[in-house]
PDB file of N, CA and C in Angstrom:
ATOM      1  N   LEU A   1     -70.037 203.517  16.894  1.00  0.00           N
ATOM      2  CA  LEU A   1     -68.723 203.716  18.064  1.00  0.00           C
ATOM      3  C   LEU A   1     -67.703 204.797  17.515  1.00  0.00           C
ATOM      4  N   GLN A   2     -67.606 204.762  16.272  1.00  0.00           N
ATOM      5  CA  GLN A   2     -66.726 205.873  15.753  1.00  0.00           C
ATOM      6  C   GLN A   2     -67.227 207.469  16.383  1.00  0.00           C
ATOM      7  N   ALA A   3     -68.483 207.397  16.117  1.00  0.00           N
ATOM      8  CA  ALA A   3     -69.122 208.777  16.637  1.00  0.00           C
ATOM      9  C   ALA A   3     -68.949 209.260  18.049  1.00  0.00           C
ATOM     10  N   LEU A   4     -69.140 207.986  18.851  1.00  0.00           N
ATOM     11  CA  LEU A   4     -68.756 208.068  20.203  1.00  0.00           C
ATOM     12  C   LEU A   4     -67.437 208.198  20.449  1.00  0.00           C
ATOM     13  N   ASP A   5     -66.443 207.674  19.935  1.00  0.00           N
ATOM     14  CA  ASP A   5     -64.976 208.300  20.322  1.00  0.00           C
ATOM     15  C   ASP A   5     -64.680 209.641  19.650  1.00  0.00           C
ATOM     16  N   ASP A   6     -65.389 210.074  18.606  1.00  0.00           N
ATOM     17  CA  ASP A   6     -65.147 211.416  18.000  1.00  0.00           C
ATOM     18  C   ASP A   6     -65.727 212.603  19.208  1.00  0.00           C
ATOM     19  N   ALA A   7     -67.038 212.213  19.793  1.00  0.00           N
ATOM     20  CA  ALA A   7     -67.631 212.803  20.705  1.00  0.00           C
ATOM     21  C   ALA A   7     -66.860 213.183  22.014  1.00  0.00           C
ATOM     22  N   GLU A   8     -66.122 212.089  22.447  1.00  0.00           N
ATOM     23  CA  GLU A   8     -65.348 211.909  23.624  1.00  0.00           C
ATOM     24  C   GLU A   8     -64.214 212.726  23.337  1.00  0.00           C
ATOM     25  N   ALA A   9     -63.575 212.664  22.127  1.00  0.00           N
ATOM     26  CA  ALA A   9     -62.286 213.295  22.056  1.00  0.00           C
ATOM     27  C   ALA A   9     -62.625 214.798  21.800  1.00  0.00           C
ATOM     28  N   ARG A  10     -63.588 215.269  21.264  1.00  0.00           N
ATOM     29  CA  ARG A  10     -64.106 216.652  21.366  1.00  0.00           C
ATOM     30  C   ARG A  10     -64.302 217.362  22.633  1.00  0.00           C
ATOM     31  N   ALA A  11     -64.934 216.519  23.548  1.00  0.00           N
ATOM     32  CA  ALA A  11     -65.241 216.563  24.853  1.00  0.00           C
ATOM     33  C   ALA A  11     -64.135 216.974  25.713  1.00  0.00           C
ATOM     34  N   ALA A  12     -63.030 216.239  25.404  1.00  0.00           N
ATOM     35  CA  ALA A  12     -61.912 216.034  26.243  1.00  0.00           C
ATOM     36  C   ALA A  12     -61.029 217.513  25.771  1.00  0.00           C
ATOM     37  N   PHE A  13     -61.204 217.699  24.344  1.00  0.00           N
ATOM     38  CA  PHE A  13     -60.356 218.623  23.926  1.00  0.00           C
ATOM     39  C   PHE A  13     -61.041 219.968  24.625  1.00  0.00           C
ATOM     40  N   ARG A  14     -62.428 220.182  24.294  1.00  0.00           N
ATOM     41  CA  ARG A  14     -63.008 221.438  24.693  1.00  0.00           C
ATOM     42  C   ARG A  14     -62.709 221.629  26.242  1.00  0.00           C
ATOM     43  N   GLN A  15     -62.781 220.634  26.933  1.00  0.00           N
ATOM     44  CA  GLN A  15     -62.497 220.740  28.579  1.00  0.00           C
ATOM     45  C   GLN A  15     -60.862 221.258  28.622  1.00  0.00           C
ATOM     46  N   SER A  16     -59.985 220.924  27.811  1.00  0.00           N
ATOM     47  CA  SER A  16     -58.605 221.681  27.947  1.00  0.00           C
ATOM     48  C   SER A  16     -58.630 222.622  27.400  1.00  0.00           C
ATOM     49  N   ASN A  17     -59.569 223.061  26.308  1.00  0.00           N
ATOM     50  CA  ASN A  17     -59.606 224.282  25.756  1.00  0.00           C
ATOM     51  C   ASN A  17     -59.919 225.467  26.770  1.00  0.00           C
ATOM     52  N   ASP A  18     -60.979 225.093  27.605  1.00  0.00           N
ATOM     53  CA  ASP A  18     -61.272 226.032  28.617  1.00  0.00           C
ATOM     54  C   ASP A  18     -60.294 226.455  29.592  1.00  0.00           C
ATOM     55  N   GLN A  19     -59.110 225.721  29.467  1.00  0.00           N
ATOM     56  CA  GLN A  19     -57.949 226.188  30.445  1.00  0.00           C
ATOM     57  C   GLN A  19     -57.040 226.939  29.498  1.00  0.00           C
ATOM     58  N   GLU A  20     -57.525 227.193  28.346  1.00  0.00           N
ATOM     59  CA  GLU A  20     -56.534 227.958  27.396  1.00  0.00           C
ATOM     60  C   GLU A  20     -55.229 227.016  27.220  1.00  0.00           C
ATOM     61  N   THR A  21     -55.133 225.730  27.075  1.00  0.00           N
ATOM     62  CA  THR A  21     -54.040 225.108  26.980  1.00  0.00           C
ATOM     63  C   THR A  21     -54.164 224.225  25.784  1.00  0.00           C
ATOM     64  N   PHE A  22     -53.085 223.808  25.309  1.00  0.00           N
ATOM     65  CA  PHE A  22     -53.007 222.978  23.962  1.00  0.00           C
ATOM     66  C   PHE A  22     -52.005 221.959  24.449  1.00  0.00           C
ATOM     67  N   PRO A  23     -52.000 220.791  23.788  1.00  0.00           N
ATOM     68  CA  PRO A  23     -51.067 219.304  24.047  1.00  0.00           C
ATOM     69  C   PRO A  23     -49.693 220.129  23.217  1.00  0.00           C
ATOM     70  N   THR A  24     -48.626 219.835  23.842  1.00  0.00           N
ATOM     71  CA  THR A  24     -47.420 220.168  23.103  1.00  0.00           C
ATOM     72  C   THR A  24     -47.552 220.027  21.787  1.00  0.00           C
ATOM     73  N   ASP A  25     -47.663 218.953  21.346  1.00  0.00           N
ATOM     74  CA  ASP A  25     -47.729 218.556  19.657  1.00  0.00           C
ATOM     75  C   ASP A  25     -48.467 219.662  18.739  1.00  0.00           C
ATOM     76  N   VAL A  26     -49.674 220.069  19.294  1.00  0.00           N
ATOM     77  CA  VAL A  26     -50.801 220.745  18.549  1.00  0.00           C
ATOM     78  C   VAL A  26     -49.789 222.259  18.584  1.00  0.00           C
ATOM     79  N   ALA A  27     -49.256 222.584  19.782  1.00  0.00           N
ATOM     80  CA  ALA A  27     -48.699 224.140  19.793  1.00  0.00           C
ATOM     81  C   ALA A  27     -47.485 224.115  18.699  1.00  0.00           C
ATOM     82  N   ARG A  28     -46.565 222.838  18.821  1.00  0.00           N
ATOM     83  CA  ARG A  28     -45.528 222.964  18.046  1.00  0.00           C
ATOM     84  C   ARG A  28     -45.931 222.626  16.524  1.00  0.00           C
ATOM     85  N   SER A  29     -47.020 222.254  16.395  1.00  0.00           N
ATOM     86  CA  SER A  29     -47.428 222.058  14.960  1.00  0.00           C
ATOM     87  C   SER A  29     -47.916 223.500  14.345  1.00  0.00           C
ATOM     88  N   LEU A  30     -48.789 224.238  15.168  1.00  0.00           N
ATOM     89  CA  LEU A  30     -49.249 225.560  14.874  1.00  0.00           C
ATOM     90  C   LEU A  30     -48.028 226.586  14.734  1.00  0.00           C
ATOM     91  N   LEU A  31     -47.332 226.252  15.633  1.00  0.00           N
ATOM     92  CA  LEU A  31     -45.798 227.325  15.875  1.00  0.00           C
ATOM     93  C   LEU A  31     -45.159 227.262  14.426  1.00  0.00           C
ATOM     94  N   SER A  32     -44.838 225.883  14.073  1.00  0.00           N
ATOM     95  CA  SER A  32     -44.097 225.793  12.885  1.00  0.00           C
ATOM     96  C   SER A  32     -44.890 225.923  11.469  1.00  0.00           C
ATOM     97  N   GLY A  33     -46.025 226.553  11.560  1.00  0.00           N
ATOM     98  CA  GLY A  33     -46.853 226.913  10.421  1.00  0.00           C
ATOM     99  C   GLY A  33     -47.907 226.054   9.964  1.00  0.00           C
ATOM    100  N   GLY A  34     -48.203 225.069  10.609  1.00  0.00           N
ATOM    101  CA  GLY A  34     -49.242 224.157  10.651  1.00  0.00           C
ATOM    102  C   GLY A  34     -50.507 224.851  10.184  1.00  0.00           C
ATOM    103  N   ARG A  35     -51.342 224.453   9.230  1.00  0.00           N
ATOM    104  CA  ARG A  35     -52.768 224.975   9.170  1.00  0.00           C
ATOM    105  C   ARG A  35     -53.384 224.512  10.433  1.00  0.00           C
ATOM    106  N   PRO A  36     -54.348 225.760  10.956  1.00  0.00           N
ATOM    107  CA  PRO A  36     -54.862 225.492  12.172  1.00  0.00           C
ATOM    108  C   PRO A  36     -56.210 224.561  11.994  1.00  0.00           C
ATOM    109  N   VAL A  37     -56.869 224.622  11.016  1.00  0.00           N
ATOM    110  CA  VAL A  37     -57.789 223.643  10.921  1.00  0.00           C
ATOM    111  C   VAL A  37     -57.511 222.371  10.675  1.00  0.00           C
ATOM    112  N   LYS A  38     -56.499 221.906   9.998  1.00  0.00           N
ATOM    113  CA  LYS A  38     -55.949 220.772   9.688  1.00  0.00           C
ATOM    114  C   LYS A  38     -55.425 220.152  11.067  1.00  0.00           C
ATOM    115  N   VAL A  39     -54.434 220.959  12.003  1.00  0.00           N
ATOM    116  CA  VAL A  39     -54.000 220.614  13.311  1.00  0.00           C
ATOM    117  C   VAL A  39     -54.966 220.280  13.984  1.00  0.00           C
ATOM    118  N   PHE A  40     -55.930 221.175  14.197  1.00  0.00           N
ATOM    119  CA  PHE A  40     -57.128 220.823  15.490  1.00  0.00           C
ATOM    120  C   PHE A  40     -57.956 219.527  14.874  1.00  0.00           C
ATOM    121  N   ARG A  41     -58.255 219.420  13.568  1.00  0.00           N
ATOM    122  CA  ARG A  41     -59.075 218.447  12.911  1.00  0.00           C
ATOM    123  C   ARG A  41     -58.043 217.126  13.370  1.00  0.00           C
ATOM    124  N   LYS A  42     -57.083 217.148  12.882  1.00  0.00           N
ATOM    125  CA  LYS A  42     -56.132 215.686  13.260  1.00  0.00           C
ATOM    126  C   LYS A  42     -55.885 215.291  14.931  1.00  0.00           C
ATOM    127  N   TYR A  43     -55.887 216.521  15.533  1.00  0.00           N
ATOM    128  CA  TYR A  43     -55.659 216.200  17.107  1.00  0.00           C
ATOM    129  C   TYR A  43     -56.841 215.511  17.638  1.00  0.00           C
ATOM    130  N   ILE A  44     -58.047 216.066  17.103  1.00  0.00           N
ATOM    131  CA  ILE A  44     -59.391 215.299  17.849  1.00  0.00           C
ATOM    132  C   ILE A  44     -59.684 213.886  16.775  1.00  0.00           C
ATOM    133  N   LYS A  45     -58.957 213.736  15.599  1.00  0.00           N
ATOM    134  CA  LYS A  45     -59.122 212.643  15.012  1.00  0.00           C
ATOM    135  C   LYS A  45     -60.352 212.704  14.100  1.00  0.00           C
ATOM    136  N   LEU A  46     -60.805 213.825  13.645  1.00  0.00           N
ATOM    137  CA  LEU A  46     -62.067 213.858  12.733  1.00  0.00           C
ATOM    138  C   LEU A  46     -61.487 214.123  10.992  1.00  0.00           C
ATOM    139  N   SER A  47     -62.314 213.082  10.383  1.00  0.00           N
ATOM    140  CA  SER A  47     -61.810 213.156   9.021  1.00  0.00           C
ATOM    141  C   SER A  47     -62.598 214.417   8.448  1.00  0.00           C
ATOM    142  N   LEU A  48     -61.857 214.714   7.321  1.00  0.00           N
ATOM    143  CA  LEU A  48     -62.278 215.863   6.781  1.00  0.00           C
ATOM    144  C   LEU A  48     -63.855 215.760   6.278  1.00  0.00           C
ATOM    145  N   SER A  49     -64.394 214.742   5.864  1.00  0.00           N
ATOM    146  CA  SER A  49     -65.746 214.561   5.219  1.00  0.00           C
ATOM    147  C   SER A  49     -66.548 214.721   6.799  1.00  0.00           C
ATOM    148  N   VAL A  50     -66.382 214.249   7.750  1.00  0.00           N
ATOM    149  CA  VAL A  50     -67.217 214.151   9.171  1.00  0.00           C
ATOM    150  C   VAL A  50     -66.862 215.743   9.395  1.00  0.00           C
ATOM    151  N   LEU A  51     -65.797 216.509   9.380  1.00  0.00           N
ATOM    152  CA  LEU A  51     -65.868 217.925  10.014  1.00  0.00           C
ATOM    153  C   LEU A  51     -66.518 218.753   9.168  1.00  0.00           C
ATOM    154  N   ALA A  52     -66.709 218.406   7.892  1.00  0.00           N
ATOM    155  CA  ALA A  52     -67.510 219.120   6.818  1.00  0.00           C
ATOM    156  C   ALA A  52     -68.833 219.098   7.059  1.00  0.00           C
ATOM    157  N   LYS A  53     -69.391 217.861   7.220  1.00  0.00           N
ATOM    158  CA  LYS A  53     -70.668 217.296   7.534  1.00  0.00           C
ATOM    159  C   LYS A  53     -71.105 218.213   8.926  1.00  0.00           C
ATOM    160  N   GLN A  54     -70.383 217.975   9.982  1.00  0.00           N
ATOM    161  CA  GLN A  54     -70.848 218.409  11.227  1.00  0.00           C
ATOM    162  C   GLN A  54     -70.709 220.068  11.326  1.00  0.00           C
ATOM    163  N   SER A  55     -69.938 220.705  10.369  1.00  0.00           N
ATOM    164  CA  SER A  55     -69.942 222.017  10.316  1.00  0.00           C
ATOM    165  C   SER A  55     -70.829 222.710   9.457  1.00  0.00           C
ATOM    166  N   ASP A  56     -71.474 221.821   8.410  1.00  0.00           N
ATOM    167  CA  ASP A  56     -72.342 222.294   7.424  1.00  0.00           C
ATOM    168  C   ASP A  56     -71.569 222.861   6.098  1.00  0.00           C
ATOM    169  N   VAL A  57     -70.283 222.313   6.071  1.00  0.00           N
ATOM    170  CA  VAL A  57     -69.646 223.295   4.764  1.00  0.00           C
ATOM    171  C   VAL A  57     -69.119 221.927   3.745  1.00  0.00           C
ATOM    172  N   SER A  58     -69.143 222.510   2.628  1.00  0.00           N
ATOM    173  CA  SER A  58     -68.754 221.673   1.553  1.00  0.00           C
ATOM    174  C   SER A  58     -67.443 220.935   1.754  1.00  0.00           C
ATOM    175  N   VAL A  59     -67.326 219.594   1.659  1.00  0.00           N
ATOM    176  CA  VAL A  59     -65.925 218.901   1.730  1.00  0.00           C
ATOM    177  C   VAL A  59     -64.879 219.740   1.013  1.00  0.00           C
ATOM    178  N   PRO A  60     -65.217 220.057  -0.584  1.00  0.00           N
ATOM    179  CA  PRO A  60     -64.251 220.665  -1.479  1.00  0.00           C
ATOM    180  C   PRO A  60     -63.865 222.012  -0.576  1.00  0.00           C
ATOM    181  N   TYR A  61     -64.618 222.697  -0.405  1.00  0.00           N
ATOM    182  CA  TYR A  61     -64.207 224.307   0.387  1.00  0.00           C
ATOM    183  C   TYR A  61     -63.479 223.826   1.601  1.00  0.00           C
ATOM    184  N   LEU A  62     -63.926 222.815   2.202  1.00  0.00           N
ATOM    185  CA  LEU A  62     -62.990 222.536   3.443  1.00  0.00           C
ATOM    186  C   LEU A  62     -61.796 222.117   3.326  1.00  0.00           C
ATOM    187  N   CYS A  63     -61.555 221.348   2.129  1.00  0.00           N
ATOM    188  CA  CYS A  63     -60.342 220.974   1.646  1.00  0.00           C
ATOM    189  C   CYS A  63     -59.578 222.023   1.328  1.00  0.00           C
ATOM    190  N   GLU A  64     -59.980 222.804   0.698  1.00  0.00           N
ATOM    191  CA  GLU A  64     -59.091 224.277   0.141  1.00  0.00           C
ATOM    192  C   GLU A  64     -58.585 224.960   1.659  1.00  0.00           C
ATOM    193  N   THR A  65     -59.641 225.239   2.533  1.00  0.00           N
ATOM    194  CA  THR A  65     -59.037 225.595   3.628  1.00  0.00           C
ATOM    195  C   THR A  65     -58.197 224.761   4.475  1.00  0.00           C
ATOM    196  N   ASP A  66     -58.142 223.510   4.408  1.00  0.00           N
ATOM    197  CA  ASP A  66     -57.346 222.497   5.206  1.00  0.00           C
ATOM    198  C   ASP A  66     -56.072 222.654   4.917  1.00  0.00           C
ATOM    199  N   ILE A  67     -55.859 222.645   3.559  1.00  0.00           N
ATOM    200  CA  ILE A  67     -54.314 222.578   2.815  1.00  0.00           C
ATOM    201  C   ILE A  67     -53.979 224.129   2.632  1.00  0.00           C
ATOM    202  N   GLY A  68     -54.705 225.250   2.803  1.00  0.00           N
ATOM    203  CA  GLY A  68     -54.240 226.435   2.985  1.00  0.00           C
ATOM    204  C   GLY A  68     -54.461 227.407   1.497  1.00  0.00           C
ATOM    205  N   ARG A  69     -55.146 226.694   0.734  1.00  0.00           N
ATOM    206  CA  ARG A  69     -55.394 227.330  -0.610  1.00  0.00           C
ATOM    207  C   ARG A  69     -56.144 228.432  -0.496  1.00  0.00           C
ATOM    208  N   LYS A  70     -57.163 228.272   0.222  1.00  0.00           N
ATOM    209  CA  LYS A  70     -58.246 229.461   0.636  1.00  0.00           C
ATOM    210  C   LYS A  70     -58.358 229.735   2.262  1.00  0.00           C
ATOM    211  N   PRO A  71     -58.384 231.032   2.485  1.00  0.00           N
ATOM    212  CA  PRO A  71     -58.371 231.533   3.883  1.00  0.00           C
ATOM    213  C   PRO A  71     -59.691 231.041   4.537  1.00  0.00           C
ATOM    214  N   GLY A  72     -60.748 230.893   4.018  1.00  0.00           N
ATOM    215  CA  GLY A  72     -62.154 230.587   4.585  1.00  0.00           C
ATOM    216  C   GLY A  72     -62.825 231.846   4.939  1.00  0.00           C
ATOM    217  N   SER A  73     -64.061 231.614   5.099  1.00  0.00           N
ATOM    218  CA  SER A  73     -64.875 232.728   5.036  1.00  0.00           C
ATOM    219  C   SER A  73     -65.145 232.487   6.725  1.00  0.00           C
ATOM    220  N   THR A  74     -65.437 233.882   7.086  1.00  0.00           N
ATOM    221  CA  THR A  74     -65.685 233.939   8.576  1.00  0.00           C
ATOM    222  C   THR A  74     -66.720 233.029   8.943  1.00  0.00           C
ATOM    223  N   LYS A  75     -67.943 233.167   8.246  1.00  0.00           N
ATOM    224  CA  LYS A  75     -68.821 232.044   8.558  1.00  0.00           C
ATOM    225  C   LYS A  75     -68.472 230.687   8.371  1.00  0.00           C
ATOM    226  N   ALA A  76     -67.880 230.174   7.698  1.00  0.00           N
ATOM    227  CA  ALA A  76     -67.393 228.746   7.521  1.00  0.00           C
ATOM    228  C   ALA A  76     -66.484 228.496   8.687  1.00  0.00           C
ATOM    229  N   LEU A  77     -65.438 229.370   8.706  1.00  0.00           N
ATOM    230  CA  LEU A  77     -64.600 229.101   9.909  1.00  0.00           C
ATOM    231  C   LEU A  77     -65.247 229.107  11.307  1.00  0.00           C
ATOM    232  N   SER A  78     -66.007 229.944  11.345  1.00  0.00           N
ATOM    233  CA  SER A  78     -67.012 229.907  12.832  1.00  0.00           C
ATOM    234  C   SER A  78     -67.514 228.547  13.055  1.00  0.00           C
ATOM    235  N   ALA A  79     -68.160 228.153  11.976  1.00  0.00           N
ATOM    236  CA  ALA A  79     -69.025 226.841  12.116  1.00  0.00           C
ATOM    237  C   ALA A  79     -67.861 225.673  12.494  1.00  0.00           C
ATOM    238  N   VAL A  80     -66.757 225.963  11.589  1.00  0.00           N
ATOM    239  CA  VAL A  80     -65.589 224.873  11.784  1.00  0.00           C
ATOM    240  C   VAL A  80     -65.021 224.792  13.252  1.00  0.00           C
ATOM    241  N   ALA A  81     -64.980 226.109  13.675  1.00  0.00           N
ATOM    242  CA  ALA A  81     -64.335 226.415  15.126  1.00  0.00           C
ATOM    243  C   ALA A  81     -65.347 225.682  16.267  1.00  0.00           C
ATOM    244  N   LYS A  82     -66.769 225.940  15.904  1.00  0.00           N
ATOM    245  CA  LYS A  82     -67.580 225.387  16.944  1.00  0.00           C
ATOM    246  C   LYS A  82     -67.641 223.778  17.005  1.00  0.00           C
ATOM    247  N   THR A  83     -67.284 223.392  15.715  1.00  0.00           N
ATOM    248  CA  THR A  83     -67.504 221.680  15.691  1.00  0.00           C
ATOM    249  C   THR A  83     -66.256 221.316  16.077  1.00  0.00           C
ATOM    250  N   LEU A  84     -65.200 221.935  15.995  1.00  0.00           N
ATOM    251  CA  LEU A  84     -63.728 221.464  16.817  1.00  0.00           C
ATOM    252  C   LEU A  84     -63.607 221.820  18.263  1.00  0.00           C
ATOM    253  N   GLY A  85     -64.269 222.861  18.598  1.00  0.00           N
ATOM    254  CA  GLY A  85     -64.344 223.113  20.234  1.00  0.00           C
ATOM    255  C   GLY A  85     -63.303 224.107  20.449  1.00  0.00           C
ATOM    256  N   VAL A  86     -63.029 224.804  19.401  1.00  0.00           N
ATOM    257  CA  VAL A  86     -61.923 226.060  19.467  1.00  0.00           C
ATOM    258  C   VAL A  86     -62.812 227.348  19.225  1.00  0.00           C
ATOM    259  N   THR A  87     -62.009 228.311  19.462  1.00  0.00           N
ATOM    260  CA  THR A  87     -62.373 229.632  18.836  1.00  0.00           C
ATOM    261  C   THR A  87     -62.014 230.020  17.717  1.00  0.00           C
ATOM    262  N   LEU A  88     -62.822 231.000  16.839  1.00  0.00           N
ATOM    263  CA  LEU A  88     -62.746 231.384  15.586  1.00  0.00           C
ATOM    264  C   LEU A  88     -61.109 231.930  15.590  1.00  0.00           C
ATOM    265  N   GLU A  89     -60.631 232.508  16.642  1.00  0.00           N
ATOM    266  CA  GLU A  89     -59.279 233.122  16.628  1.00  0.00           C
ATOM    267  C   GLU A  89     -58.201 232.276  16.600  1.00  0.00           C
ATOM    268  N   ASP A  90     -58.625 230.982  17.092  1.00  0.00           N
ATOM    269  CA  ASP A  90     -57.273 229.890  16.989  1.00  0.00           C
ATOM    270  C   ASP A  90     -57.551 229.499  15.745  1.00  0.00           C
ATOM    271  N   LEU A  91     -58.162 229.494  14.863  1.00  0.00           N
ATOM    272  CA  LEU A  91     -58.202 229.192  13.219  1.00  0.00           C
ATOM    273  C   LEU A  91     -57.756 230.195  12.389  1.00  0.00           C
ATOM    274  N   ILE A  92     -57.690 231.489  13.005  1.00  0.00           N
ATOM    275  CA  ILE A  92     -57.065 232.453  12.015  1.00  0.00           C
ATOM    276  C   ILE A  92     -55.732 232.690  12.152  1.00  0.00           C
TER     277      ILE A  92
END
């Protein structure tokens, strides 16, 4: 059931992303300095471990990116962006 909910949340987010809009709370979080991976991950309600698995990125590496200790490689961020349904530019 959780996987279905996650898939539905990602589909809804992708549809809104096609319109180049984000919910106000997402925009505010990003504008106030929130880490993009974490902001988008929390918005679509994906745990760090699920996002890591679906993006084929290790949990420790993604955690470092999620909290801002590491910027993340282009390859890793591209995979994460695809899973989140956003562009690479949205995460940089």
